[in-house]
Structure formats: structure tokens, C-alpha cells
């Protein structure tokens, strides 16, 4: 039975920023960055998620830009931002998405 050629049309190229970040993780962790992962955006994202480590306890906190954006939304909608959102960037992101 003949094998079908693989189609790469669904593979997105990696961004330069993504590649720099992955290389910095690989250097810091003293591990190799697989060649096949460097050619597919989704595969590289998955590799980054598996290998990144929090640098500090503040990594989970929302950025100042994220907080400022949430505060503008809260002011416009005359709502309070839940206190938990200020300690978790993913919660802040969800709050922003649900209140835009």
C-alpha cells in the first residue's frame, strides 16, 4: 500500500519572538530544542508550556497594562474587579474577556 505524502499546509511557521523565548528556556534549562518543534508554531507552543518554569512568585500576577485595561472597563461599566483577579493573571484575563 503506497504512503500518502504529508501535507504541511496546516502548519504555521513559528514567530521570531516565540523562537527567541524557546531558545532562552532551552539555554536556561540546559536542554536541546528539537528541530521538528522549531518548524511548527503549535508544536513549539506546546514545548514552551512543558518546559517553562516560573522565574518568580510574581509571574502569576497580572501585568500593569492588564490591570489598567481592566480598571478602565470597570470604570466604564461601574463595576468592581474581584480582588482575586489582582493575584492571578488568568483570572484577570477571564474577567476582562467577560466584561469587554
Protein backbone atom coordinates (compact mmCIF):
# COMPACT_ATOMS: atom_id res chain seq x y z
CA UNK A 1 0.00 0.00 0.00
CA UNK A 2 1.59 3.34 -1.02
CA UNK A 3 2.03 6.02 1.62
CA UNK A 4 0.39 9.36 1.10
CA UNK A 5 2.57 12.46 1.11
CA UNK A 6 2.23 14.58 4.20
CA UNK A 7 0.65 17.98 3.78
CA UNK A 8 2.26 20.82 5.64
CA UNK A 9 -0.35 23.41 4.68
CA UNK A 10 -1.83 23.31 8.20
CA UNK A 11 1.50 24.04 9.89
CA UNK A 12 2.05 27.66 10.82
CA UNK A 13 5.61 28.96 10.92
CA UNK A 14 6.99 29.97 14.30
CA UNK A 15 7.35 33.64 15.12
CA UNK A 16 10.77 35.12 15.80
CA UNK A 17 9.68 36.16 19.30
CA UNK A 18 8.41 32.65 20.05
CA UNK A 19 11.65 31.11 18.86
CA UNK A 20 13.78 33.51 20.95
CA UNK A 21 11.72 32.65 24.04
CA UNK A 22 12.03 28.90 23.41
CA UNK A 23 15.78 29.22 22.94
CA UNK A 24 16.13 31.14 26.20
CA UNK A 25 14.18 28.40 28.03
CA UNK A 26 16.37 25.72 26.45
CA UNK A 27 19.56 27.59 27.40
CA UNK A 28 18.42 28.23 30.97
CA UNK A 29 17.35 24.60 31.44
CA UNK A 30 20.38 23.19 29.56
CA UNK A 31 18.18 21.11 27.24
CA UNK A 32 18.06 20.76 23.48
CA UNK A 33 15.34 22.37 21.42
CA UNK A 34 14.18 19.70 18.92
CA UNK A 35 14.48 20.69 15.26
CA UNK A 36 10.98 19.48 14.32
CA UNK A 37 9.46 21.62 17.07
CA UNK A 38 11.14 24.75 15.68
CA UNK A 39 9.18 24.44 12.43
CA UNK A 40 5.60 24.34 13.75
CA UNK A 41 4.02 27.10 15.83
CA UNK A 42 1.65 24.80 17.72
CA UNK A 43 4.35 22.26 18.49
CA UNK A 44 6.69 24.99 19.72
CA UNK A 45 3.94 26.46 21.92
CA UNK A 46 3.36 23.04 23.47
CA UNK A 47 7.11 22.61 24.03
CA UNK A 48 7.31 26.03 25.72
CA UNK A 49 4.39 25.20 28.02
CA UNK A 50 6.03 21.92 29.07
CA UNK A 51 9.43 23.44 29.75
CA UNK A 52 8.89 26.93 31.09
CA UNK A 53 9.37 27.44 34.78
CA UNK A 54 8.18 30.37 36.85
CA UNK A 55 11.02 32.79 37.45
CA UNK A 56 9.43 34.42 40.46
CA UNK A 57 6.31 34.25 42.55
CA UNK A 58 5.07 37.39 40.79
CA UNK A 59 4.84 35.65 37.40
CA UNK A 60 1.26 34.69 38.14
CA UNK A 61 0.27 38.32 38.80
CA UNK A 62 -1.38 40.32 36.01
CA UNK A 63 0.73 42.90 34.18
CA UNK A 64 0.28 46.58 34.87
CA UNK A 65 -1.19 47.03 31.39
CA UNK A 66 -3.68 44.23 32.04
CA UNK A 67 -4.73 45.83 35.34
CA UNK A 68 -5.05 49.27 33.76
CA UNK A 69 -7.23 47.86 30.97
CA UNK A 70 -9.43 46.03 33.49
CA UNK A 71 -9.76 49.19 35.58
CA UNK A 72 -10.89 51.18 32.51
CA UNK A 73 -13.52 48.52 31.78
CA UNK A 74 -14.64 48.51 35.43
CA UNK A 75 -14.91 52.30 35.45
CA UNK A 76 -16.97 52.36 32.25
CA UNK A 77 -19.28 49.60 33.48
CA UNK A 78 -19.28 50.92 37.07
CA UNK A 79 -18.24 47.54 38.43
CA UNK A 80 -15.68 46.30 40.89
CA UNK A 81 -12.90 43.97 39.84
CA UNK A 82 -12.82 40.93 42.15
CA UNK A 83 -9.80 41.03 44.47
CA UNK A 84 -8.70 37.53 43.39
CA UNK A 85 -8.11 38.84 39.87
CA UNK A 86 -5.24 41.01 41.11
CA UNK A 87 -3.33 37.88 42.18
CA UNK A 88 -3.85 35.72 39.09
CA UNK A 89 -3.34 36.90 35.52
CA UNK A 90 -5.52 34.15 34.04
CA UNK A 91 -8.42 35.15 36.29
CA UNK A 92 -7.89 38.78 35.30
CA UNK A 93 -7.89 37.77 31.65
CA UNK A 94 -11.15 35.86 32.06
CA UNK A 95 -12.71 38.84 33.88
CA UNK A 96 -11.65 41.17 31.07
CA UNK A 97 -12.98 38.82 28.39
CA UNK A 98 -16.33 38.50 30.11
CA UNK A 99 -16.70 42.26 30.66
CA UNK A 100 -15.49 43.79 27.37
